[in-house]
Structure formats: C-alpha cells, structure tokens
Amino acid sequence: MRSFTGSATTKVASSKVGFFLGVLRIAAMVIRARIDGGYRRTPLFDGATGTPIVEPRVLTAEERRKLSSLTINS
C-alpha cells in the first residue's frame, strides 16, 4: 500500500489491487480485534473496566515551568 507519492523523488509503482488488499488487511485486523477483544489489551488501561492503570495527574504551573526549562543533551 502506498500513499503520498506525489512528492517522491523517483518513480513509484502504483497498483489499485495493492491499495485494495491493504484496505482489506486493515479492516480484517480491526474486525478481529473487535471479535476477540484484542482492542482492550493495553498497558495503559485495565481491560475489564477501562479505567487507567495509574491515575492521571495534572502538573502545576510551577512543575510545567521547570520542565519547559530543561534541555535535552544529545
């Protein structure tokens, strides 16, 4: 499946069949996840209740200021 090929620097082969098969594959993955409950398995939420594993915490203005002043050394 190819997309956004207009800005490619070389010729990109186009295939309507490839696009169709890509859409079918994505649809199959979504349907399977809905049927077997796979969409509920995530490390961030409890699968049974849908509640977050860790309660979110809103940073104070001071905490945000401190974090924005940090620089990342690479």
PDB file of N, CA and C in Angstrom:
ATOM      1  N   MET A   1       0.850  -1.163   0.000  1.00  0.00           N
ATOM      2  CA  MET A   1       0.000   0.000   0.000  1.00  0.00           C
ATOM      3  C   MET A   1       0.898   1.229   0.000  1.00  0.00           C
ATOM      4  N   ARG A   2       0.635   2.159  -0.884  1.00  0.00           N
ATOM      5  CA  ARG A   2       1.444   3.366  -0.989  1.00  0.00           C
ATOM      6  C   ARG A   2       0.540   4.583  -0.852  1.00  0.00           C
ATOM      7  N   SER A   3       1.086   5.626  -0.253  1.00  0.00           N
ATOM      8  CA  SER A   3       0.327   6.872  -0.151  1.00  0.00           C
ATOM      9  C   SER A   3       1.289   8.042  -0.201  1.00  0.00           C
ATOM     10  N   PHE A   4       0.784   9.207  -0.503  1.00  0.00           N
ATOM     11  CA  PHE A   4       1.570  10.443  -0.565  1.00  0.00           C
ATOM     12  C   PHE A   4       2.768  10.289  -1.499  1.00  0.00           C
ATOM     13  N   THR A   5       2.540   9.738  -2.672  1.00  0.00           N
ATOM     14  CA  THR A   5       3.639   9.503  -3.612  1.00  0.00           C
ATOM     15  C   THR A   5       3.927  10.721  -4.480  1.00  0.00           C
ATOM     16  N   GLY A   6       3.136  11.750  -4.393  1.00  0.00           N
ATOM     17  CA  GLY A   6       3.326  12.936  -5.225  1.00  0.00           C
ATOM     18  C   GLY A   6       4.659  13.623  -5.010  1.00  0.00           C
ATOM     19  N   SER A   7       5.221  13.538  -3.828  1.00  0.00           N
ATOM     20  CA  SER A   7       6.495  14.198  -3.540  1.00  0.00           C
ATOM     21  C   SER A   7       7.678  13.239  -3.613  1.00  0.00           C
ATOM     22  N   ALA A   8       7.475  12.033  -4.122  1.00  0.00           N
ATOM     23  CA  ALA A   8       8.563  11.069  -4.234  1.00  0.00           C
ATOM     24  C   ALA A   8       9.603  11.565  -5.227  1.00  0.00           C
ATOM     25  N   THR A   9      10.860  11.257  -4.988  1.00  0.00           N
ATOM     26  CA  THR A   9      11.938  11.710  -5.875  1.00  0.00           C
ATOM     27  C   THR A   9      12.189  10.737  -7.016  1.00  0.00           C
ATOM     28  N   THR A  10      11.658   9.517  -6.934  1.00  0.00           N
ATOM     29  CA  THR A  10      11.773   8.548  -8.015  1.00  0.00           C
ATOM     30  C   THR A  10      10.385   8.013  -8.353  1.00  0.00           C
ATOM     31  N   LYS A  11      10.283   7.321  -9.451  1.00  0.00           N
ATOM     32  CA  LYS A  11       9.003   6.761  -9.886  1.00  0.00           C
ATOM     33  C   LYS A  11       8.523   5.708  -8.889  1.00  0.00           C
ATOM     34  N   VAL A  12       7.275   5.804  -8.503  1.00  0.00           N
ATOM     35  CA  VAL A  12       6.681   4.850  -7.560  1.00  0.00           C
ATOM     36  C   VAL A  12       5.612   4.068  -8.307  1.00  0.00           C
ATOM     37  N   ALA A  13       5.737   2.752  -8.290  1.00  0.00           N
ATOM     38  CA  ALA A  13       4.746   1.913  -8.957  1.00  0.00           C
ATOM     39  C   ALA A  13       3.418   2.033  -8.237  1.00  0.00           C
ATOM     40  N   SER A  14       2.364   2.157  -8.997  1.00  0.00           N
ATOM     41  CA  SER A  14       1.038   2.292  -8.428  1.00  0.00           C
ATOM     42  C   SER A  14       0.216   1.066  -8.762  1.00  0.00           C
ATOM     43  N   SER A  15      -0.573   0.610  -7.830  1.00  0.00           N
ATOM     44  CA  SER A  15      -1.400  -0.562  -8.051  1.00  0.00           C
ATOM     45  C   SER A  15      -2.695  -0.410  -7.264  1.00  0.00           C
ATOM     46  N   LYS A  16      -3.793  -0.402  -8.000  1.00  0.00           N
ATOM     47  CA  LYS A  16      -5.086  -0.319  -7.329  1.00  0.00           C
ATOM     48  C   LYS A  16      -5.368  -1.602  -6.550  1.00  0.00           C
ATOM     49  N   VAL A  17      -4.863  -2.734  -7.036  1.00  0.00           N
ATOM     50  CA  VAL A  17      -5.035  -4.007  -6.339  1.00  0.00           C
ATOM     51  C   VAL A  17      -4.299  -3.958  -5.000  1.00  0.00           C
ATOM     52  N   GLY A  18      -3.066  -3.407  -4.980  1.00  0.00           N
ATOM     53  CA  GLY A  18      -2.300  -3.296  -3.747  1.00  0.00           C
ATOM     54  C   GLY A  18      -3.015  -2.437  -2.713  1.00  0.00           C
ATOM     55  N   PHE A  19      -3.622  -1.342  -3.168  1.00  0.00           N
ATOM     56  CA  PHE A  19      -4.370  -0.472  -2.266  1.00  0.00           C
ATOM     57  C   PHE A  19      -5.560  -1.224  -1.688  1.00  0.00           C
ATOM     58  N   PHE A  20      -6.290  -1.912  -2.556  1.00  0.00           N
ATOM     59  CA  PHE A  20      -7.463  -2.667  -2.120  1.00  0.00           C
ATOM     60  C   PHE A  20      -7.082  -3.734  -1.102  1.00  0.00           C
ATOM     61  N   LEU A  21      -5.990  -4.463  -1.369  1.00  0.00           N
ATOM     62  CA  LEU A  21      -5.550  -5.501  -0.436  1.00  0.00           C
ATOM     63  C   LEU A  21      -5.103  -4.892   0.898  1.00  0.00           C
ATOM     64  N   GLY A  22      -4.483  -3.717   0.856  1.00  0.00           N
ATOM     65  CA  GLY A  22      -4.075  -3.041   2.080  1.00  0.00           C
ATOM     66  C   GLY A  22      -5.278  -2.651   2.927  1.00  0.00           C
ATOM     67  N   VAL A  23      -6.304  -2.125   2.271  1.00  0.00           N
ATOM     68  CA  VAL A  23      -7.525  -1.750   2.991  1.00  0.00           C
ATOM     69  C   VAL A  23      -8.182  -2.992   3.590  1.00  0.00           C
ATOM     70  N   LEU A  24      -8.219  -4.074   2.834  1.00  0.00           N
ATOM     71  CA  LEU A  24      -8.797  -5.322   3.358  1.00  0.00           C
ATOM     72  C   LEU A  24      -8.022  -5.834   4.569  1.00  0.00           C
ATOM     73  N   ARG A  25      -6.697  -5.746   4.506  1.00  0.00           N
ATOM     74  CA  ARG A  25      -5.880  -6.227   5.622  1.00  0.00           C
ATOM     75  C   ARG A  25      -6.155  -5.414   6.891  1.00  0.00           C
ATOM     76  N   ILE A  26      -6.215  -4.089   6.758  1.00  0.00           N
ATOM     77  CA  ILE A  26      -6.501  -3.233   7.919  1.00  0.00           C
ATOM     78  C   ILE A  26      -7.891  -3.541   8.471  1.00  0.00           C
ATOM     79  N   ALA A  27      -8.873  -3.686   7.572  1.00  0.00           N
ATOM     80  CA  ALA A  27     -10.236  -3.997   8.009  1.00  0.00           C
ATOM     81  C   ALA A  27     -10.269  -5.333   8.747  1.00  0.00           C
ATOM     82  N   ALA A  28      -9.540  -6.321   8.256  1.00  0.00           N
ATOM     83  CA  ALA A  28      -9.513  -7.636   8.909  1.00  0.00           C
ATOM     84  C   ALA A  28      -8.917  -7.531  10.309  1.00  0.00           C
ATOM     85  N   MET A  29      -7.854  -6.729  10.456  1.00  0.00           N
ATOM     86  CA  MET A  29      -7.240  -6.566  11.782  1.00  0.00           C
ATOM     87  C   MET A  29      -8.212  -5.902  12.757  1.00  0.00           C
ATOM     88  N   VAL A  30      -8.944  -4.901  12.288  1.00  0.00           N
ATOM     89  CA  VAL A  30      -9.902  -4.201  13.160  1.00  0.00           C
ATOM     90  C   VAL A  30     -11.032  -5.140  13.561  1.00  0.00           C
ATOM     91  N   ILE A  31     -11.557  -5.879  12.602  1.00  0.00           N
ATOM     92  CA  ILE A  31     -12.670  -6.800  12.898  1.00  0.00           C
ATOM     93  C   ILE A  31     -12.215  -7.884  13.873  1.00  0.00           C
ATOM     94  N   ARG A  32     -11.018  -8.450  13.640  1.00  0.00           N
ATOM     95  CA  ARG A  32     -10.524  -9.499  14.542  1.00  0.00           C
ATOM     96  C   ARG A  32     -10.341  -8.965  15.966  1.00  0.00           C
ATOM     97  N   ALA A  33      -9.810  -7.750  16.098  1.00  0.00           N
ATOM     98  CA  ALA A  33      -9.614  -7.158  17.428  1.00  0.00           C
ATOM     99  C   ALA A  33     -10.951  -6.959  18.133  1.00  0.00           C
ATOM    100  N   ARG A  34     -11.976  -6.573  17.381  1.00  0.00           N
ATOM    101  CA  ARG A  34     -13.299  -6.394  17.995  1.00  0.00           C
ATOM    102  C   ARG A  34     -13.891  -7.730  18.431  1.00  0.00           C
ATOM    103  N   ILE A  35     -13.693  -8.770  17.639  1.00  0.00           N
ATOM    104  CA  ILE A  35     -14.274 -10.074  17.951  1.00  0.00           C
ATOM    105  C   ILE A  35     -13.568 -10.726  19.137  1.00  0.00           C
ATOM    106  N   ASP A  36     -12.227 -10.733  19.134  1.00  0.00           N
ATOM    107  CA  ASP A  36     -11.511 -11.436  20.209  1.00  0.00           C
ATOM    108  C   ASP A  36     -11.179 -10.540  21.405  1.00  0.00           C
ATOM    109  N   GLY A  37     -11.579  -9.277  21.361  1.00  0.00           N
ATOM    110  CA  GLY A  37     -11.355  -8.372  22.488  1.00  0.00           C
ATOM    111  C   GLY A  37      -9.950  -7.812  22.547  1.00  0.00           C
ATOM    112  N   GLY A  38      -9.171  -7.981  21.487  1.00  0.00           N
ATOM    113  CA  GLY A  38      -7.792  -7.515  21.467  1.00  0.00           C
ATOM    114  C   GLY A  38      -7.647  -6.018  21.654  1.00  0.00           C
ATOM    115  N   TYR A  39      -8.669  -5.264  21.280  1.00  0.00           N
ATOM    116  CA  TYR A  39      -8.603  -3.810  21.434  1.00  0.00           C
ATOM    117  C   TYR A  39      -8.576  -3.393  22.908  1.00  0.00           C
ATOM    118  N   ARG A  40      -8.926  -4.294  23.805  1.00  0.00           N
ATOM    119  CA  ARG A  40      -8.925  -3.980  25.240  1.00  0.00           C
ATOM    120  C   ARG A  40      -7.560  -4.187  25.886  1.00  0.00           C
ATOM    121  N   ARG A  41      -6.673  -4.938  25.230  1.00  0.00           N
ATOM    122  CA  ARG A  41      -5.355  -5.230  25.801  1.00  0.00           C
ATOM    123  C   ARG A  41      -4.420  -4.045  25.567  1.00  0.00           C
ATOM    124  N   THR A  42      -4.142  -3.327  26.609  1.00  0.00           N
ATOM    125  CA  THR A  42      -3.255  -2.178  26.546  1.00  0.00           C
ATOM    126  C   THR A  42      -2.548  -2.033  27.888  1.00  0.00           C
ATOM    127  N   PRO A  43      -1.301  -1.579  27.889  1.00  0.00           N
ATOM    128  CA  PRO A  43      -0.604  -1.410  29.169  1.00  0.00           C
ATOM    129  C   PRO A  43      -1.067  -0.180  29.944  1.00  0.00           C
ATOM    130  N   LEU A  44      -1.903   0.648  29.351  1.00  0.00           N
ATOM    131  CA  LEU A  44      -2.305   1.891  29.993  1.00  0.00           C
ATOM    132  C   LEU A  44      -3.639   1.810  30.726  1.00  0.00           C
ATOM    133  N   PHE A  45      -4.493   0.853  30.352  1.00  0.00           N
ATOM    134  CA  PHE A  45      -5.828   0.765  30.937  1.00  0.00           C
ATOM    135  C   PHE A  45      -6.127  -0.662  31.369  1.00  0.00           C
ATOM    136  N   ASP A  46      -6.968  -0.808  32.391  1.00  0.00           N
ATOM    137  CA  ASP A  46      -7.446  -2.110  32.836  1.00  0.00           C
ATOM    138  C   ASP A  46      -8.433  -2.615  31.780  1.00  0.00           C
ATOM    139  N   GLY A  47      -8.178  -3.801  31.227  1.00  0.00           N
ATOM    140  CA  GLY A  47      -9.012  -4.330  30.155  1.00  0.00           C
ATOM    141  C   GLY A  47     -10.441  -4.602  30.575  1.00  0.00           C
ATOM    142  N   ALA A  48     -10.668  -4.957  31.823  1.00  0.00           N
ATOM    143  CA  ALA A  48     -12.010  -5.301  32.282  1.00  0.00           C
ATOM    144  C   ALA A  48     -12.869  -4.067  32.530  1.00  0.00           C
ATOM    145  N   THR A  49     -12.264  -3.030  33.109  1.00  0.00           N
ATOM    146  CA  THR A  49     -13.057  -1.861  33.488  1.00  0.00           C
ATOM    147  C   THR A  49     -12.836  -0.651  32.588  1.00  0.00           C
ATOM    148  N   GLY A  50     -11.703  -0.615  31.889  1.00  0.00           N
ATOM    149  CA  GLY A  50     -11.406   0.537  31.046  1.00  0.00           C
ATOM    150  C   GLY A  50     -10.838   1.722  31.805  1.00  0.00           C
ATOM    151  N   THR A  51     -10.567   1.533  33.092  1.00  0.00           N
ATOM    152  CA  THR A  51     -10.013   2.632  33.889  1.00  0.00           C
ATOM    153  C   THR A  51      -8.498   2.659  33.742  1.00  0.00           C
ATOM    154  N   PRO A  52      -7.893   3.839  33.878  1.00  0.00           N
ATOM    155  CA  PRO A  52      -6.437   3.933  33.758  1.00  0.00           C
ATOM    156  C   PRO A  52      -5.738   3.119  34.845  1.00  0.00           C
ATOM    157  N   ILE A  53      -4.589   2.520  34.502  1.00  0.00           N
ATOM    158  CA  ILE A  53      -3.795   1.763  35.468  1.00  0.00           C
ATOM    159  C   ILE A  53      -3.267   2.714  36.545  1.00  0.00           C
ATOM    160  N   VAL A  54      -2.814   3.883  36.133  1.00  0.00           N
ATOM    161  CA  VAL A  54      -2.323   4.909  37.047  1.00  0.00           C
ATOM    162  C   VAL A  54      -3.216   6.134  36.880  1.00  0.00           C
ATOM    163  N   GLU A  55      -3.637   6.705  37.983  1.00  0.00           N
ATOM    164  CA  GLU A  55      -4.493   7.884  37.936  1.00  0.00           C
ATOM    165  C   GLU A  55      -3.712   9.066  37.340  1.00  0.00           C
ATOM    166  N   PRO A  56      -4.246   9.697  36.302  1.00  0.00           N
ATOM    167  CA  PRO A  56      -3.548  10.842  35.717  1.00  0.00           C
ATOM    168  C   PRO A  56      -3.399  11.981  36.721  1.00  0.00           C
ATOM    169  N   ARG A  57      -2.290  12.713  36.606  1.00  0.00           N
ATOM    170  CA  ARG A  57      -2.055  13.848  37.492  1.00  0.00           C
ATOM    171  C   ARG A  57      -1.742  15.068  36.640  1.00  0.00           C
ATOM    172  N   VAL A  58      -2.443  16.152  36.894  1.00  0.00           N
ATOM    173  CA  VAL A  58      -2.218  17.400  36.171  1.00  0.00           C
ATOM    174  C   VAL A  58      -1.081  18.145  36.853  1.00  0.00           C
ATOM    175  N   LEU A  59      -0.092  18.543  36.047  1.00  0.00           N
ATOM    176  CA  LEU A  59       1.047  19.274  36.604  1.00  0.00           C
ATOM    177  C   LEU A  59       0.635  20.692  36.988  1.00  0.00           C
ATOM    178  N   THR A  60       1.263  21.192  38.028  1.00  0.00           N
ATOM    179  CA  THR A  60       1.026  22.573  38.425  1.00  0.00           C
ATOM    180  C   THR A  60       1.774  23.484  37.457  1.00  0.00           C
ATOM    181  N   ALA A  61       1.467  24.764  37.509  1.00  0.00           N
ATOM    182  CA  ALA A  61       2.150  25.733  36.647  1.00  0.00           C
ATOM    183  C   ALA A  61       3.650  25.737  36.927  1.00  0.00           C
ATOM    184  N   GLU A  62       4.036  25.621  38.188  1.00  0.00           N
ATOM    185  CA  GLU A  62       5.452  25.607  38.558  1.00  0.00           C
ATOM    186  C   GLU A  62       6.155  24.367  37.993  1.00  0.00           C
ATOM    187  N   GLU A  63       5.504  23.201  38.079  1.00  0.00           N
ATOM    188  CA  GLU A  63       6.089  21.979  37.527  1.00  0.00           C
ATOM    189  C   GLU A  63       6.264  22.083  36.015  1.00  0.00           C
ATOM    190  N   ARG A  64       5.280  22.648  35.340  1.00  0.00           N
ATOM    191  CA  ARG A  64       5.394  22.839  33.890  1.00  0.00           C
ATOM    192  C   ARG A  64       6.527  23.787  33.543  1.00  0.00           C
ATOM    193  N   ARG A  65       6.681  24.857  34.320  1.00  0.00           N
ATOM    194  CA  ARG A  65       7.769  25.823  34.091  1.00  0.00           C
ATOM    195  C   ARG A  65       9.131  25.150  34.226  1.00  0.00           C
ATOM    196  N   LYS A  66       9.285  24.341  35.285  1.00  0.00           N
ATOM    197  CA  LYS A  66      10.554  23.642  35.498  1.00  0.00           C
ATOM    198  C   LYS A  66      10.857  22.688  34.340  1.00  0.00           C
ATOM    199  N   LEU A  67       9.853  21.944  33.899  1.00  0.00           N
ATOM    200  CA  LEU A  67      10.059  21.001  32.807  1.00  0.00           C
ATOM    201  C   LEU A  67      10.377  21.705  31.497  1.00  0.00           C
ATOM    202  N   SER A  68       9.738  22.827  31.241  1.00  0.00           N
ATOM    203  CA  SER A  68       9.986  23.524  29.975  1.00  0.00           C
ATOM    204  C   SER A  68      11.369  24.155  29.938  1.00  0.00           C
ATOM    205  N   SER A  69      11.976  24.374  31.097  1.00  0.00           N
ATOM    206  CA  SER A  69      13.299  24.975  31.131  1.00  0.00           C
ATOM    207  C   SER A  69      14.425  23.937  30.959  1.00  0.00           C
ATOM    208  N   LEU A  70      14.091  22.657  31.056  1.00  0.00           N
ATOM    209  CA  LEU A  70      15.092  21.605  30.906  1.00  0.00           C
ATOM    210  C   LEU A  70      15.500  21.496  29.437  1.00  0.00           C
ATOM    211  N   THR A  71      16.761  21.172  29.206  1.00  0.00           N
ATOM    212  CA  THR A  71      17.220  20.933  27.837  1.00  0.00           C
ATOM    213  C   THR A  71      17.672  19.488  27.737  1.00  0.00           C
ATOM    214  N   ILE A  72      17.519  18.937  26.556  1.00  0.00           N
ATOM    215  CA  ILE A  72      17.912  17.551  26.327  1.00  0.00           C
ATOM    216  C   ILE A  72      19.308  17.550  25.718  1.00  0.00           C
ATOM    217  N   ASN A  73      20.219  16.858  26.387  1.00  0.00           N
ATOM    218  CA  ASN A  73      21.594  16.739  25.875  1.00  0.00           C
ATOM    219  C   ASN A  73      21.650  15.532  24.938  1.00  0.00           C
ATOM    220  N   SER A  74      22.159  15.749  23.741  1.00  0.00           N
ATOM    221  CA  SER A  74      22.255  14.613  22.806  1.00  0.00           C
ATOM    222  C   SER A  74      23.674  14.255  22.506  1.00  0.00           C
TER     223      SER A  74
END
